[in-house]
Amino acid sequence: MAQAQQRITRDDLEAKFRAVQDDIQAKVDDRKQPIVVGALVGGFVLLFVFFLLGRRSGKGKTTLVEIRRV
């Protein structure tokens, strides 16, 4: 009546772990391209915003030197 228990071997564990790892790696590879593109676009937007903010603050702190001859 009792079923014989099957022993789990090292090969069984390695095969299962490899299958799980391959599944996860495939999901990561599918999402890598859009994440990289989004990061690049976000970086360029931040760079442009910082450029505009720096340009604006630079205009207010410009020193005007006037030289007169006597």
Protein backbone atom coordinates (compact mmCIF):
# COMPACT_ATOMS: atom_id res chain seq x y z
CA MET A 1 0.00 0.00 0.00
CA ALA A 2 2.77 2.45 0.74
CA GLN A 3 4.40 3.97 -2.30
CA ALA A 4 8.13 3.71 -2.68
CA GLN A 5 9.71 7.10 -2.28
CA GLN A 6 11.94 8.20 -5.09
CA ARG A 7 15.23 9.72 -4.02
CA ILE A 8 16.10 13.19 -5.26
CA THR A 9 19.52 13.19 -6.85
CA ARG A 10 21.97 15.97 -7.38
CA ASP A 11 21.24 15.88 -11.12
CA ASP A 12 17.53 16.43 -10.42
CA LEU A 13 18.30 19.51 -8.33
CA GLU A 14 20.76 20.93 -10.86
CA ALA A 15 18.28 20.47 -13.70
CA LYS A 16 15.48 22.20 -11.77
CA PHE A 17 17.72 25.11 -10.70
CA ARG A 18 19.01 25.50 -14.26
CA ALA A 19 15.43 25.61 -15.60
CA VAL A 20 14.45 28.29 -13.07
CA GLN A 21 17.59 30.31 -13.81
CA ASP A 22 17.01 30.13 -17.57
CA ASP A 23 13.42 31.30 -17.11
CA ILE A 24 14.50 34.28 -15.00
CA GLN A 25 17.34 35.14 -17.39
CA ALA A 26 14.93 35.16 -20.34
CA LYS A 27 12.62 37.60 -18.53
CA VAL A 28 15.56 39.87 -17.66
CA ASP A 29 16.81 39.85 -21.25
CA ASP A 30 13.34 40.77 -22.53
CA ARG A 31 13.14 43.83 -20.27
CA LYS A 32 16.75 45.00 -20.50
CA GLN A 33 16.41 46.94 -23.78
CA PRO A 34 13.45 49.17 -22.76
CA ILE A 35 15.05 49.89 -19.38
CA VAL A 36 18.32 50.99 -21.01
CA VAL A 37 16.49 53.22 -23.50
CA GLY A 38 14.40 54.76 -20.71
CA ALA A 39 17.49 55.44 -18.61
CA LEU A 40 19.24 57.14 -21.53
CA VAL A 41 16.23 59.33 -22.34
CA GLY A 42 15.83 60.23 -18.65
CA GLY A 43 19.52 61.13 -18.43
CA PHE A 44 19.33 63.43 -21.43
CA VAL A 45 16.21 65.12 -20.06
CA LEU A 46 17.91 65.71 -16.70
CA LEU A 47 21.02 67.04 -18.43
CA PHE A 48 18.90 69.47 -20.47
CA VAL A 49 17.00 70.65 -17.39
CA PHE A 50 20.24 71.24 -15.46
CA PHE A 51 21.64 73.13 -18.45
CA LEU A 52 18.61 75.41 -18.57
CA LEU A 53 18.65 76.01 -14.80
CA GLY A 54 22.36 76.80 -14.85
CA ARG A 55 21.98 79.13 -17.78
CA ARG A 56 19.14 80.98 -16.06
CA SER A 57 20.99 81.41 -12.77
CA GLY A 58 24.11 82.51 -14.64
CA LYS A 59 22.27 85.43 -16.22
CA GLY A 60 21.35 86.90 -12.85
CA LYS A 61 24.89 86.82 -11.48
CA THR A 62 26.65 88.41 -14.43
CA THR A 63 28.91 91.27 -13.45
CA LEU A 64 28.99 94.37 -15.65
CA VAL A 65 32.22 96.33 -15.53
CA GLU A 66 32.21 99.87 -16.84
CA ILE A 67 35.47 101.65 -17.58
CA ARG A 68 35.53 105.45 -17.93
CA ARG A 69 38.40 107.63 -18.99
CA VAL A 70 38.91 110.75 -17.05
